[in-house]
Amino acid sequence: MQLAFPPGDFAGYIFDLDGTLIDTMPVHYRAWAAALRHQGLAEDLDEDYFYALGGVPSLQVAALLAAKHGLPISSPEAVAAHKEQLYLERLDEVTRIEPVVAFAREVARQHPVAIATGGTPDIALPAIAAAGLAELFTVVVTPHDVAPGRGKPHPDMFLEAARRIGVNPQKCLVFEDAEPGLLAARAAGMQVVHVQSRR
């Protein structure tokens, strides 16, 4: 994996989680497929469409996937909760994206680092721990840390991460794999390293 770094002198580093630090998207895909099969999905879950939803909150993903496949679900909340349970049962399938993790470990020796993830704490924190990254990342910002509806692609989560690590947003470098996160980081006035999909 080649990481393309923008020029600049950065004082803080903020990382997305899923698809950036840890390769969770295939595991999320399998969990969503299982949850939707429970709702009557007969065909394969549309993988390209699913990956295009990277960074979108789970509740919205449930509704979008159901609509895409013509599934009449009465409670997106229940489907999303079932999917998250299935995901947590599969955490042993999650692997680290080593080039990004290695860079994070290196810069963390001299600079503050943080995670800004679209995952809720009950999903993100166990995944961070399972990947052995909890000690490295003591600052973790989730959608619960910003106003409702102000997750990615809004800049709020990255601005909150910058505030917590005490670094001017313009001096932060963000690592992201998904379009909503790329948009959010740029809206926060931050430069970005685009971590290309491992699919």
Protein backbone atom coordinates (compact mmCIF):
# COMPACT_ATOMS: atom_id res chain seq x y z
CA MET A 1 0.00 0.00 0.00
CA GLN A 2 1.37 3.38 -1.03
CA LEU A 3 0.38 6.39 1.06
CA ALA A 4 0.58 9.78 -0.68
CA PHE A 5 1.42 12.53 1.81
CA PRO A 6 0.64 16.19 1.17
CA PRO A 7 3.41 18.70 1.85
CA GLY A 8 3.30 20.46 5.17
CA ASP A 9 4.44 20.47 8.77
CA PHE A 10 1.78 18.76 10.87
CA ALA A 11 1.39 18.87 14.64
CA GLY A 12 -1.40 16.32 15.08
CA TYR A 13 -2.72 13.26 13.28
CA ILE A 14 -6.34 12.07 13.12
CA PHE A 15 -7.31 8.66 11.80
CA ASP A 16 -10.57 7.19 10.65
CA LEU A 17 -11.05 3.65 11.98
CA ASP A 18 -12.93 1.32 9.60
CA GLY A 19 -11.05 0.82 6.36
CA THR A 20 -8.21 3.08 7.50
CA LEU A 21 -6.62 1.60 10.64
CA ILE A 22 -8.41 -1.73 10.65
CA ASP A 23 -9.81 -3.78 7.79
CA THR A 24 -13.35 -4.10 9.10
CA MET A 25 -15.40 -3.44 6.00
CA PRO A 26 -15.51 -7.10 4.84
CA VAL A 27 -16.64 -8.07 8.35
CA HIS A 28 -19.29 -5.34 8.37
CA TYR A 29 -20.44 -6.58 4.96
CA ARG A 30 -20.85 -10.16 6.20
CA ALA A 31 -22.70 -8.94 9.29
CA TRP A 32 -25.08 -6.80 7.22
CA ALA A 33 -25.70 -9.68 4.82
CA ALA A 34 -26.56 -12.00 7.72
CA ALA A 35 -28.83 -9.42 9.37
CA LEU A 36 -30.70 -8.75 6.14
CA ARG A 37 -31.05 -12.45 5.36
CA HIS A 38 -32.88 -12.62 8.68
CA GLN A 39 -35.22 -9.97 7.21
CA GLY A 40 -35.85 -12.01 4.07
CA LEU A 41 -32.96 -11.08 1.76
CA ALA A 42 -32.77 -13.89 -0.81
CA GLU A 43 -29.99 -12.66 -3.11
CA ASP A 44 -26.43 -11.57 -2.35
CA LEU A 45 -26.14 -8.20 -0.69
CA ASP A 46 -24.99 -5.63 -3.28
CA GLU A 47 -21.31 -5.35 -2.37
CA ASP A 48 -20.46 -2.31 -4.50
CA TYR A 49 -23.41 -0.37 -3.12
CA PHE A 50 -22.49 -1.37 0.42
CA TYR A 51 -18.89 -0.17 0.05
CA ALA A 52 -20.12 3.12 -1.40
CA LEU A 53 -21.86 3.71 1.96
CA GLY A 54 -18.56 3.80 3.88
CA GLY A 55 -18.80 6.32 6.73
CA VAL A 56 -22.62 6.45 6.72
CA PRO A 57 -24.23 5.79 10.16
CA SER A 58 -25.62 2.29 10.71
CA LEU A 59 -29.24 3.34 11.07
CA GLN A 60 -29.13 5.06 7.70
CA VAL A 61 -27.30 2.10 6.15
CA ALA A 62 -30.07 -0.24 7.31
CA ALA A 63 -32.72 1.86 5.59
CA LEU A 64 -30.67 2.33 2.41
CA LEU A 65 -29.77 -1.35 2.04
CA ALA A 66 -33.36 -2.40 2.68
CA ALA A 67 -34.61 0.05 0.04
CA LYS A 68 -31.94 -1.06 -2.44
CA HIS A 69 -33.02 -4.69 -2.11
CA GLY A 70 -36.76 -4.03 -1.80
CA LEU A 71 -36.99 -5.34 1.76
CA PRO A 72 -39.94 -4.00 3.75
CA ILE A 73 -38.40 -3.61 7.22
CA SER A 74 -40.54 -2.16 9.97
CA SER A 75 -37.66 -1.16 12.25
CA PRO A 76 -34.32 -0.02 10.84
CA GLU A 77 -33.24 0.39 14.47
CA ALA A 78 -33.79 -3.31 15.19
CA VAL A 79 -32.01 -4.38 12.00
CA ALA A 80 -29.04 -2.12 12.75
CA ALA A 81 -28.86 -3.43 16.34
CA HIS A 82 -28.93 -7.04 15.11
CA LYS A 83 -26.19 -6.27 12.59
CA GLU A 84 -23.99 -4.70 15.29
CA GLN A 85 -24.43 -7.78 17.47
CA LEU A 86 -23.39 -10.00 14.54
CA TYR A 87 -20.39 -7.74 13.89
CA LEU A 88 -19.19 -7.89 17.50
CA GLU A 89 -19.37 -11.68 17.33
CA ARG A 90 -16.96 -11.52 14.35
CA LEU A 91 -14.29 -9.19 15.81
CA ASP A 92 -11.71 -11.98 15.63
CA GLU A 93 -11.95 -11.66 11.82
CA VAL A 94 -10.77 -8.02 11.90
CA THR A 95 -7.18 -7.31 10.85
CA ARG A 96 -4.99 -4.19 11.13
CA ILE A 97 -4.03 -2.19 8.05
CA GLU A 98 -0.36 -2.37 8.93
CA PRO A 99 1.12 0.49 6.83
CA VAL A 100 -1.26 2.98 8.46
CA VAL A 101 -0.88 1.50 11.95
CA ALA A 102 2.92 1.55 11.62
CA PHE A 103 2.83 5.23 10.63
CA ALA A 104 0.50 6.02 13.54
CA ARG A 105 2.85 4.31 16.00
CA GLU A 106 5.80 6.25 14.58
CA VAL A 107 4.23 9.72 14.71
CA ALA A 108 2.66 9.06 18.12
CA ARG A 109 6.16 9.11 19.63
CA GLN A 110 6.31 12.88 19.16
CA HIS A 111 2.81 14.06 18.20
CA PRO A 112 -0.73 13.62 19.52
CA VAL A 113 -2.96 11.19 17.62
CA ALA A 114 -6.71 10.59 17.66
CA ILE A 115 -9.42 8.52 16.02
CA ALA A 116 -12.55 10.10 14.51
CA THR A 117 -14.93 7.30 13.56
CA GLY A 118 -18.49 7.09 12.32
CA GLY A 119 -18.93 4.02 14.53
CA THR A 120 -20.72 4.32 17.85
CA PRO A 121 -18.67 3.72 21.02
CA ASP A 122 -20.21 0.29 21.67
CA ILE A 123 -18.93 -0.86 18.25
CA ALA A 124 -15.76 1.20 17.77
CA LEU A 125 -14.15 0.74 21.19
CA PRO A 126 -14.30 -3.10 21.19
CA ALA A 127 -12.85 -3.10 17.65
CA ILE A 128 -10.01 -0.77 18.70
CA ALA A 129 -9.28 -3.04 21.66
CA ALA A 130 -9.48 -6.22 19.58
CA ALA A 131 -6.95 -4.73 17.14
CA GLY A 132 -4.54 -3.93 19.98
CA LEU A 133 -4.76 -0.17 19.43
CA ALA A 134 -6.41 1.03 22.64
CA GLU A 135 -3.16 2.16 24.28
CA LEU A 136 -2.05 4.02 21.16
CA PHE A 137 -5.32 5.91 20.73
CA THR A 138 -6.56 7.37 24.00
CA VAL A 139 -8.60 10.03 22.15
CA VAL A 140 -11.53 8.55 20.23
CA VAL A 141 -14.30 10.77 18.81
CA THR A 142 -17.57 9.17 17.71
CA PRO A 143 -20.92 10.57 16.51
CA HIS A 144 -21.97 10.66 20.18
CA ASP A 145 -19.47 13.49 20.72
CA VAL A 146 -21.09 15.92 18.29
CA ALA A 147 -24.60 17.23 17.76
CA PRO A 148 -27.12 14.77 16.26
CA GLY A 149 -26.85 14.62 12.50
CA ARG A 150 -23.41 16.29 12.50
CA GLY A 151 -21.26 13.23 11.79
CA LYS A 152 -19.30 12.86 8.56
CA PRO A 153 -19.44 14.49 5.98
CA HIS A 154 -19.81 17.43 8.39
CA PRO A 155 -16.51 18.65 9.87
CA ASP A 156 -17.61 18.51 13.51
CA MET A 157 -15.97 15.19 14.50
CA PHE A 158 -12.58 16.18 13.12
CA LEU A 159 -12.80 19.60 14.75
CA GLU A 160 -13.65 17.94 18.06
CA ALA A 161 -10.70 15.55 17.68
CA ALA A 162 -8.38 18.50 17.01
CA ARG A 163 -9.74 20.27 20.09
CA ARG A 164 -9.15 17.23 22.27
CA ILE A 165 -5.55 16.80 21.16
CA GLY A 166 -4.93 20.54 21.44
CA VAL A 167 -3.89 21.13 17.83
CA ASN A 168 -5.05 23.82 15.40
CA PRO A 169 -7.21 22.08 12.76
CA GLN A 170 -5.05 23.50 9.97
CA LYS A 171 -2.05 21.71 11.52
CA CYS A 172 -3.79 18.32 11.56
CA LEU A 173 -3.34 15.59 8.95
CA VAL A 174 -6.24 13.18 8.49
CA PHE A 175 -6.13 9.58 7.23
CA GLU A 176 -9.40 8.50 5.60
CA ASP A 177 -10.68 5.89 3.17
CA ALA A 178 -14.30 6.92 2.47
CA GLU A 179 -15.77 9.89 0.65
CA PRO A 180 -17.85 11.24 3.58
CA GLY A 181 -14.73 11.35 5.74
CA LEU A 182 -12.63 12.96 3.03
CA LEU A 183 -15.27 15.66 2.64
CA ALA A 184 -15.50 16.13 6.42
CA ALA A 185 -11.76 16.52 6.86
CA ARG A 186 -11.48 19.05 4.07
CA ALA A 187 -14.47 20.96 5.46
CA ALA A 188 -12.57 21.12 8.76
CA GLY A 189 -9.66 22.79 6.98
CA MET A 190 -7.42 19.74 7.26
CA GLN A 191 -5.25 18.03 4.67
CA VAL A 192 -5.92 14.36 3.97
CA VAL A 193 -4.11 11.14 3.14
CA HIS A 194 -6.54 9.01 1.13
CA VAL A 195 -6.17 5.39 2.24
CA GLN A 196 -7.21 3.43 -0.84
CA SER A 197 -9.71 0.62 -0.46
CA ARG A 198 -8.21 -2.84 0.06
CA ARG A 199 -10.97 -4.52 -1.94
